N, C-alpha and C. Protein backbone atom coordinates (compact mmCIF):
# COMPACT_ATOMS: atom_id res chain seq x y z
N MET A 1 1.43 9.33 -4.07
CA MET A 1 1.30 7.91 -4.36
C MET A 1 2.34 7.51 -5.41
N SER A 2 2.81 6.31 -5.24
CA SER A 2 3.81 5.78 -6.16
C SER A 2 3.14 4.96 -7.25
N ASN A 3 3.73 5.00 -8.43
CA ASN A 3 3.20 4.12 -9.46
C ASN A 3 3.91 2.77 -9.37
N ILE A 4 3.47 1.82 -10.15
CA ILE A 4 3.94 0.45 -10.02
C ILE A 4 5.43 0.31 -10.33
N THR A 5 5.95 1.09 -11.27
CA THR A 5 7.37 0.99 -11.57
C THR A 5 8.23 1.49 -10.42
N GLU A 6 7.78 2.55 -9.75
CA GLU A 6 8.50 3.04 -8.58
C GLU A 6 8.47 2.02 -7.46
N LEU A 7 7.35 1.34 -7.29
CA LEU A 7 7.25 0.33 -6.25
C LEU A 7 8.16 -0.85 -6.54
N ARG A 8 8.24 -1.26 -7.79
CA ARG A 8 9.08 -2.40 -8.16
C ARG A 8 10.56 -2.09 -7.96
N GLU A 9 10.95 -0.83 -8.05
CA GLU A 9 12.35 -0.45 -7.88
C GLU A 9 12.76 -0.36 -6.42
N MET A 10 11.78 -0.36 -5.51
CA MET A 10 12.08 -0.25 -4.08
C MET A 10 12.65 -1.55 -3.54
N SER A 11 13.43 -1.42 -2.49
CA SER A 11 13.95 -2.62 -1.82
C SER A 11 12.83 -3.22 -0.96
N ASP A 12 13.10 -4.40 -0.44
CA ASP A 12 12.10 -5.07 0.40
C ASP A 12 11.78 -4.25 1.65
N GLU A 13 12.79 -3.64 2.23
CA GLU A 13 12.59 -2.83 3.44
C GLU A 13 11.76 -1.58 3.13
N GLN A 14 12.05 -0.96 1.99
CA GLN A 14 11.28 0.22 1.60
C GLN A 14 9.83 -0.14 1.33
N LEU A 15 9.61 -1.28 0.69
CA LEU A 15 8.24 -1.72 0.43
C LEU A 15 7.48 -1.96 1.73
N GLU A 16 8.15 -2.59 2.67
CA GLU A 16 7.52 -2.87 3.96
C GLU A 16 7.15 -1.57 4.67
N ALA A 17 8.05 -0.60 4.64
CA ALA A 17 7.78 0.69 5.28
C ALA A 17 6.64 1.43 4.57
N THR A 18 6.60 1.36 3.26
CA THR A 18 5.53 2.00 2.50
C THR A 18 4.19 1.33 2.80
N ALA A 19 4.20 0.02 2.90
CA ALA A 19 2.96 -0.72 3.22
C ALA A 19 2.46 -0.35 4.61
N LYS A 20 3.38 -0.24 5.55
CA LYS A 20 2.99 0.12 6.92
C LYS A 20 2.41 1.53 6.96
N GLU A 21 3.04 2.44 6.24
CA GLU A 21 2.56 3.83 6.19
C GLU A 21 1.18 3.90 5.53
N ALA A 22 0.98 3.16 4.44
CA ALA A 22 -0.31 3.15 3.76
C ALA A 22 -1.39 2.54 4.65
N ALA A 23 -1.05 1.52 5.43
CA ALA A 23 -2.03 0.91 6.33
C ALA A 23 -2.42 1.88 7.44
N GLN A 24 -1.46 2.63 7.95
CA GLN A 24 -1.77 3.62 8.99
C GLN A 24 -2.63 4.74 8.43
N THR A 25 -2.33 5.16 7.23
CA THR A 25 -3.14 6.20 6.58
C THR A 25 -4.55 5.70 6.33
N LEU A 26 -4.67 4.45 5.89
CA LEU A 26 -5.99 3.86 5.66
C LEU A 26 -6.78 3.80 6.96
N PHE A 27 -6.15 3.43 8.05
CA PHE A 27 -6.82 3.40 9.34
C PHE A 27 -7.35 4.78 9.72
N ARG A 28 -6.49 5.79 9.57
CA ARG A 28 -6.91 7.15 9.91
C ARG A 28 -8.06 7.61 9.03
N LEU A 29 -8.00 7.28 7.73
CA LEU A 29 -9.08 7.68 6.83
C LEU A 29 -10.39 6.99 7.18
N ARG A 30 -10.32 5.71 7.51
CA ARG A 30 -11.54 4.99 7.91
C ARG A 30 -12.12 5.56 9.18
N PHE A 31 -11.26 5.85 10.13
CA PHE A 31 -11.71 6.43 11.39
C PHE A 31 -12.35 7.80 11.13
N GLN A 32 -11.71 8.58 10.30
CA GLN A 32 -12.22 9.91 9.97
C GLN A 32 -13.54 9.83 9.22
N SER A 33 -13.69 8.84 8.36
CA SER A 33 -14.93 8.72 7.60
C SER A 33 -16.11 8.35 8.49
N GLN A 34 -15.83 7.66 9.59
CA GLN A 34 -16.91 7.31 10.51
C GLN A 34 -17.25 8.46 11.45
N SER A 35 -16.28 9.28 11.77
CA SER A 35 -16.52 10.34 12.75
C SER A 35 -16.90 11.68 12.11
N GLU A 36 -16.48 11.88 10.88
CA GLU A 36 -16.80 13.13 10.20
C GLU A 36 -16.76 12.90 8.69
N ARG A 37 -17.05 13.92 7.96
CA ARG A 37 -17.09 13.80 6.50
C ARG A 37 -15.68 13.95 5.92
N LEU A 38 -15.34 13.07 4.99
CA LEU A 38 -14.04 13.15 4.33
C LEU A 38 -14.09 14.15 3.18
N ASN A 39 -12.99 14.86 2.98
CA ASN A 39 -12.90 15.78 1.85
C ASN A 39 -12.75 15.02 0.54
N THR A 40 -11.97 13.94 0.58
CA THR A 40 -11.75 13.13 -0.62
C THR A 40 -11.99 11.65 -0.28
N PRO A 41 -13.20 11.16 -0.45
CA PRO A 41 -13.50 9.77 -0.13
C PRO A 41 -12.72 8.77 -0.99
N SER A 42 -12.25 9.20 -2.14
CA SER A 42 -11.50 8.29 -3.01
C SER A 42 -10.14 7.92 -2.44
N GLU A 43 -9.67 8.65 -1.44
CA GLU A 43 -8.38 8.34 -0.83
C GLU A 43 -8.38 6.96 -0.17
N ILE A 44 -9.52 6.54 0.35
CA ILE A 44 -9.61 5.21 0.96
C ILE A 44 -9.33 4.14 -0.10
N MET A 45 -9.95 4.26 -1.24
CA MET A 45 -9.75 3.29 -2.31
C MET A 45 -8.31 3.33 -2.83
N LYS A 46 -7.73 4.51 -2.93
CA LYS A 46 -6.35 4.63 -3.40
C LYS A 46 -5.38 3.93 -2.45
N ASN A 47 -5.60 4.09 -1.15
CA ASN A 47 -4.73 3.44 -0.18
C ASN A 47 -4.91 1.93 -0.19
N ARG A 48 -6.13 1.47 -0.34
CA ARG A 48 -6.36 0.02 -0.42
C ARG A 48 -5.66 -0.57 -1.63
N ARG A 49 -5.71 0.12 -2.74
CA ARG A 49 -5.05 -0.37 -3.95
C ARG A 49 -3.53 -0.34 -3.81
N MET A 50 -3.01 0.68 -3.13
CA MET A 50 -1.57 0.76 -2.90
C MET A 50 -1.11 -0.43 -2.06
N ILE A 51 -1.84 -0.75 -1.02
CA ILE A 51 -1.48 -1.89 -0.18
C ILE A 51 -1.53 -3.17 -0.99
N ALA A 52 -2.55 -3.33 -1.83
CA ALA A 52 -2.67 -4.53 -2.66
C ALA A 52 -1.51 -4.64 -3.65
N ARG A 53 -1.11 -3.53 -4.23
CA ARG A 53 0.02 -3.55 -5.17
C ARG A 53 1.31 -3.97 -4.46
N ILE A 54 1.52 -3.44 -3.28
CA ILE A 54 2.73 -3.77 -2.54
C ILE A 54 2.74 -5.24 -2.17
N LYS A 55 1.61 -5.76 -1.70
CA LYS A 55 1.54 -7.18 -1.34
C LYS A 55 1.74 -8.07 -2.55
N THR A 56 1.25 -7.64 -3.70
CA THR A 56 1.44 -8.41 -4.93
C THR A 56 2.92 -8.47 -5.29
N ILE A 57 3.60 -7.35 -5.21
CA ILE A 57 5.03 -7.31 -5.52
C ILE A 57 5.81 -8.18 -4.54
N GLN A 58 5.46 -8.12 -3.26
CA GLN A 58 6.14 -8.93 -2.26
C GLN A 58 5.93 -10.43 -2.54
N THR A 59 4.72 -10.81 -2.91
CA THR A 59 4.43 -12.21 -3.23
C THR A 59 5.20 -12.66 -4.45
N GLN A 60 5.27 -11.82 -5.47
CA GLN A 60 6.02 -12.16 -6.67
C GLN A 60 7.50 -12.36 -6.35
N ARG A 61 8.05 -11.51 -5.50
CA ARG A 61 9.47 -11.65 -5.14
C ARG A 61 9.70 -12.94 -4.36
N LEU A 62 8.76 -13.31 -3.49
CA LEU A 62 8.91 -14.55 -2.74
C LEU A 62 8.85 -15.76 -3.67
N GLN A 63 7.98 -15.71 -4.67
CA GLN A 63 7.87 -16.82 -5.62
C GLN A 63 9.14 -16.96 -6.45
N VAL A 64 9.72 -15.85 -6.85
CA VAL A 64 10.96 -15.89 -7.61
C VAL A 64 12.09 -16.44 -6.75
N ALA A 65 12.14 -16.03 -5.50
CA ALA A 65 13.19 -16.51 -4.60
C ALA A 65 13.01 -17.99 -4.32
N ALA A 66 11.79 -18.47 -4.22
CA ALA A 66 11.53 -19.89 -3.95
C ALA A 66 11.85 -20.75 -5.17
N ALA A 67 11.73 -20.18 -6.35
CA ALA A 67 11.99 -20.94 -7.59
C ALA A 67 13.48 -21.14 -7.82
N LYS A 68 14.31 -20.34 -7.22
CA LYS A 68 15.77 -20.44 -7.42
C LYS A 68 16.37 -21.54 -6.61
């Protein structure tokens, strides 16, 4: 997992790819949690927070671009 400073240093394309990867991982974890027991249930929450951080950064960048 990346911390917030690493996410902020990524380009828009890298952020989009990271968000897509985190969403796919979240889907697999949710599916796995319904079909069998997860080894680390906290991974679902970590992925949800990662997606939220990425979306926040993307929104902030859009607001800065719109203000210019």
